[in-house]
Protein backbone atom coordinates (compact mmCIF):
# COMPACT_ATOMS: atom_id res chain seq x y z
CA UNK A 1 0.00 0.00 0.00
CA UNK A 2 2.82 2.39 0.92
CA UNK A 3 4.65 1.51 -2.27
CA UNK A 4 1.53 2.31 -4.28
CA UNK A 5 1.10 5.65 -2.50
CA UNK A 6 4.76 6.48 -3.08
CA UNK A 7 4.45 5.64 -6.80
CA UNK A 8 1.30 7.75 -7.11
CA UNK A 9 2.95 10.69 -5.32
CA UNK A 10 6.05 10.38 -7.52
CA UNK A 11 3.93 10.28 -10.66
CA UNK A 12 1.96 13.34 -9.55
CA UNK A 13 5.19 15.23 -8.87
CA UNK A 14 6.68 14.26 -12.24
CA UNK A 15 3.47 15.34 -13.97
CA UNK A 16 3.43 18.72 -12.17
CA UNK A 17 7.11 19.22 -12.92
CA UNK A 18 6.62 18.33 -16.59
CA UNK A 19 3.67 20.71 -16.92
CA UNK A 20 5.63 23.50 -15.21
CA UNK A 21 8.70 23.14 -17.39
CA UNK A 22 6.61 22.83 -20.57
CA UNK A 23 4.72 25.96 -19.60
CA UNK A 24 7.98 27.83 -19.13
CA UNK A 25 9.34 26.82 -22.53
CA UNK A 26 6.10 27.31 -24.46
CA UNK A 27 5.68 30.83 -23.11
CA UNK A 28 8.88 31.95 -24.88
CA UNK A 29 11.35 30.88 -27.52
CA UNK A 30 14.21 31.29 -25.07
CA UNK A 31 14.46 31.39 -21.31
CA UNK A 32 12.66 34.70 -21.02
CA UNK A 33 9.30 33.93 -19.56
CA UNK A 34 7.31 34.55 -16.41
CA UNK A 35 6.07 32.09 -13.83
CA UNK A 36 2.71 33.77 -13.39
CA UNK A 37 0.71 30.86 -12.01
CA UNK A 38 0.10 29.75 -8.44
CA UNK A 39 2.81 27.51 -7.01
CA UNK A 40 1.32 27.42 -3.52
CA UNK A 41 0.28 23.77 -3.95
CA UNK A 42 3.80 22.71 -4.85
CA UNK A 43 6.01 21.27 -2.12
CA UNK A 44 9.36 22.84 -1.31
CA UNK A 45 11.13 19.94 -3.01
CA UNK A 46 9.00 20.48 -6.15
CA UNK A 47 9.87 24.18 -6.25
CA UNK A 48 13.52 23.56 -5.50
CA UNK A 49 13.83 21.00 -8.29
CA UNK A 50 12.04 23.25 -10.79
CA UNK A 51 14.40 26.16 -10.15
CA UNK A 52 17.42 23.86 -10.00
CA UNK A 53 16.58 22.63 -13.50
CA UNK A 54 15.89 26.16 -14.75
CA UNK A 55 19.29 27.31 -13.46
CA UNK A 56 20.98 24.37 -15.16
CA UNK A 57 19.11 24.98 -18.41
CA UNK A 58 20.19 28.62 -18.36
CA UNK A 59 23.74 27.33 -18.79
CA UNK A 60 23.17 24.13 -20.75
CA UNK A 61 21.96 24.43 -23.42
CA UNK A 62 20.57 28.00 -23.39
CA UNK A 63 23.43 30.09 -22.00
CA UNK A 64 25.90 30.16 -24.87
CA UNK A 65 27.52 33.38 -23.66
CA UNK A 66 28.10 31.93 -20.18
CA UNK A 67 29.32 28.66 -21.72
CA UNK A 68 31.93 30.55 -23.76
CA UNK A 69 33.05 32.50 -20.69
CA UNK A 70 33.53 29.30 -18.69
CA UNK A 71 35.37 27.70 -21.63
CA UNK A 72 37.63 30.73 -21.86
CA UNK A 73 38.49 30.35 -18.17
CA UNK A 74 39.10 26.66 -18.71
CA UNK A 75 41.24 26.59 -21.87
CA UNK A 76 44.50 28.09 -20.63
CA UNK A 77 44.74 25.62 -17.74
CA UNK A 78 46.23 22.17 -18.15
CA UNK A 79 45.15 21.08 -14.65
CA UNK A 80 41.69 21.04 -13.11
CA UNK A 81 42.69 22.66 -9.78
CA UNK A 82 43.26 26.20 -11.14
CA UNK A 83 40.07 25.88 -13.21
CA UNK A 84 38.06 24.95 -10.13
CA UNK A 85 39.62 27.83 -8.19
CA UNK A 86 38.72 30.33 -10.91
CA UNK A 87 35.18 28.98 -11.26
CA UNK A 88 34.79 29.20 -7.47
CA UNK A 89 35.84 32.87 -7.59
CA UNK A 90 33.40 33.43 -10.46
CA UNK A 91 30.59 31.65 -8.59
CA UNK A 92 31.11 33.66 -5.38
CA UNK A 93 30.99 36.89 -7.38
CA UNK A 94 27.89 36.11 -9.43
CA UNK A 95 26.10 34.73 -6.36
CA UNK A 96 26.59 38.06 -4.59
CA UNK A 97 25.13 40.23 -7.34
CA UNK A 98 22.40 37.72 -8.18
CA UNK A 99 21.11 37.91 -4.62
CA UNK A 100 21.55 41.68 -4.32
CA UNK A 101 19.80 42.25 -7.65
CA UNK A 102 16.88 39.95 -6.86
CA UNK A 103 16.34 41.74 -3.54
CA UNK A 104 16.57 45.03 -5.47
CA UNK A 105 19.49 46.30 -3.41
CA UNK A 106 21.36 47.01 -6.64
CA UNK A 107 19.98 47.64 -10.11
CA UNK A 108 21.65 47.80 -13.50
CA UNK A 109 19.76 47.79 -16.83
CA UNK A 110 20.19 44.87 -19.20
CA UNK A 111 21.30 47.32 -21.90
CA UNK A 112 24.44 47.85 -19.82
CA UNK A 113 24.90 44.36 -18.37
CA UNK A 114 24.58 42.30 -21.56
CA UNK A 115 27.29 44.12 -23.61
CA UNK A 116 29.68 43.94 -20.65
CA UNK A 117 29.07 40.18 -20.36
CA UNK A 118 29.98 39.81 -24.03
CA UNK A 119 33.01 42.06 -23.54
CA UNK A 120 34.16 39.93 -20.60
CA UNK A 121 34.24 36.91 -22.90
CA UNK A 122 36.34 38.82 -25.47
CA UNK A 123 38.76 39.94 -22.75
CA UNK A 124 39.35 36.50 -21.22
CA UNK A 125 39.58 34.79 -24.63
CA UNK A 126 42.21 37.28 -25.86
CA UNK A 127 44.07 36.96 -22.57
CA UNK A 128 44.33 33.21 -23.25
CA UNK A 129 46.13 33.99 -26.51
CA UNK A 130 48.52 36.48 -24.95
CA UNK A 131 49.37 34.75 -21.67
CA UNK A 132 50.99 31.40 -20.93
CA UNK A 133 49.65 30.80 -17.43
CA UNK A 134 47.15 32.13 -14.93
CA UNK A 135 48.34 34.92 -12.65
CA UNK A 136 46.83 36.74 -9.67
CA UNK A 137 45.41 39.47 -11.87
CA UNK A 138 43.15 37.00 -13.65
CA UNK A 139 41.42 36.05 -10.40
CA UNK A 140 40.62 39.71 -9.77
CA UNK A 141 39.33 40.11 -13.32
CA UNK A 142 37.19 36.97 -13.09
CA UNK A 143 35.70 38.17 -9.79
CA UNK A 144 34.86 41.55 -11.34
CA UNK A 145 33.27 39.96 -14.41
CA UNK A 146 31.46 37.48 -12.16
CA UNK A 147 29.70 40.40 -10.49
CA UNK A 148 28.42 41.48 -13.91
CA UNK A 149 27.35 37.96 -14.91
CA UNK A 150 25.38 37.72 -11.67
CA UNK A 151 23.30 40.70 -12.79
CA UNK A 152 22.68 38.87 -16.05
CA UNK A 153 21.42 35.83 -14.14
CA UNK A 154 19.23 38.16 -12.10
CA UNK A 155 17.68 39.49 -15.30
CA UNK A 156 16.67 35.95 -16.22
CA UNK A 157 15.21 35.33 -12.76
CA UNK A 158 13.30 38.60 -12.88
CA UNK A 159 11.70 37.39 -16.13
CA UNK A 160 11.02 33.95 -14.69
CA UNK A 161 9.66 35.19 -11.40
CA UNK A 162 10.19 33.60 -8.01
CA UNK A 163 7.57 31.97 -5.77
CA UNK A 164 6.49 34.48 -3.13
CA UNK A 165 6.22 31.80 -0.44
CA UNK A 166 9.64 30.31 -1.18
CA UNK A 167 11.57 33.24 -2.64
CA UNK A 168 14.91 32.37 -1.03
CA UNK A 169 14.57 28.69 -1.94
CA UNK A 170 13.99 29.49 -5.61
CA UNK A 171 16.93 31.90 -5.63
CA UNK A 172 19.32 29.42 -4.00
CA UNK A 173 18.34 26.41 -6.10
CA UNK A 174 18.48 28.42 -9.33
CA UNK A 175 22.03 29.45 -8.41
CA UNK A 176 22.94 25.83 -7.60
CA UNK A 177 21.57 24.82 -11.01
CA UNK A 178 23.78 27.45 -12.65
CA UNK A 179 26.80 26.10 -10.80
CA UNK A 180 26.03 22.52 -11.84
CA UNK A 181 25.73 23.73 -15.44
CA UNK A 182 29.15 25.38 -15.24
CA UNK A 183 30.71 22.24 -13.78
CA UNK A 184 29.14 20.20 -16.59
CA UNK A 185 30.70 22.51 -19.20
CA UNK A 186 34.13 22.05 -17.59
CA UNK A 187 33.85 18.27 -17.35
CA UNK A 188 32.61 17.92 -20.93
CA UNK A 189 35.45 20.09 -22.23
CA UNK A 190 38.01 18.27 -20.11
CA UNK A 191 37.08 14.74 -21.16
CA UNK A 192 36.36 15.57 -24.81
CA UNK A 193 39.41 17.71 -25.39
CA UNK A 194 42.11 18.67 -22.92
CA UNK A 195 42.52 15.38 -21.06
CA UNK A 196 44.07 13.89 -24.18
CA UNK A 197 46.18 16.79 -25.46
CA UNK A 198 46.88 19.05 -22.46
CA UNK A 199 50.46 17.80 -22.09
CA UNK A 200 51.29 18.00 -25.78
CA UNK A 201 53.76 20.72 -26.87
CA UNK A 202 51.24 21.94 -29.46
CA UNK A 203 48.38 22.43 -26.96
CA UNK A 204 48.69 26.22 -26.75
CA UNK A 205 49.25 26.83 -30.46
CA UNK A 206 46.77 24.35 -31.92
CA UNK A 207 44.07 24.23 -29.25
CA UNK A 208 44.04 27.27 -26.96
CA UNK A 209 44.83 29.94 -29.55
CA UNK A 210 42.38 28.97 -32.35
CA UNK A 211 39.50 28.18 -29.99
CA UNK A 212 40.07 31.35 -27.96
CA UNK A 213 40.25 33.39 -31.16
CA UNK A 214 36.96 31.93 -32.40
CA UNK A 215 35.33 32.68 -29.03
CA UNK A 216 36.63 36.25 -29.14
CA UNK A 217 35.20 36.77 -32.64
CA UNK A 218 31.75 35.48 -31.63
CA UNK A 219 31.73 37.55 -28.43
CA UNK A 220 32.87 40.67 -30.34
CA UNK A 221 29.85 40.26 -32.60
CA UNK A 222 27.65 40.07 -29.48
CA UNK A 223 29.19 43.26 -28.11
CA UNK A 224 28.26 45.15 -31.28
CA UNK A 225 24.85 43.51 -31.52
CA UNK A 226 23.97 44.24 -27.89
CA UNK A 227 25.20 47.81 -28.04
CA UNK A 228 23.58 48.88 -31.28
CA UNK A 229 20.92 46.37 -32.35
CA UNK A 230 19.14 45.29 -29.18
């Protein structure tokens, strides 16, 4: 009997979750939509999982600009430890401004935030070409750009909306989802690419430089597009 009740409860949760996520995607072509329906009947675990998945989806597959920024951080490193350290610095920074923006302690218009996010990708990608290893300055730069990216995440959450009864829970789990998305990007890049060639003498010239250059070109296009055509 308990097993049957558990199965029924699980099925009901999966159905509610499916309907919620479908609603979010149908209401917009990208991740710019509003949760404008009542979530009061959802449990905390339901809400947490919904926002966890939305945070993850904002990175993979929808957050191409954030993916390219994470890849730019990743490429110059031949070991995972400095990558993890840089991503941790980035996460701390964007978590701060995400929270402050969502609680309306700080405000910055998307017309300012989005071009700077694109510019941050250009900067880090070009730095990969010009430098041979990570120095202290890069950590400071990544923290500064992380603050800007956090405002970008906040813009997404403002569009999505947060449940009034579990505002903090939605904010935290969305941020955790973002972090899991970033970690996924790093692991995919590591096992598909650098694990096999990171110790080769041609790694910088044949891997880091061309990929970083391509990222810089794409991000430069975004800078122009976001400044003049958005």
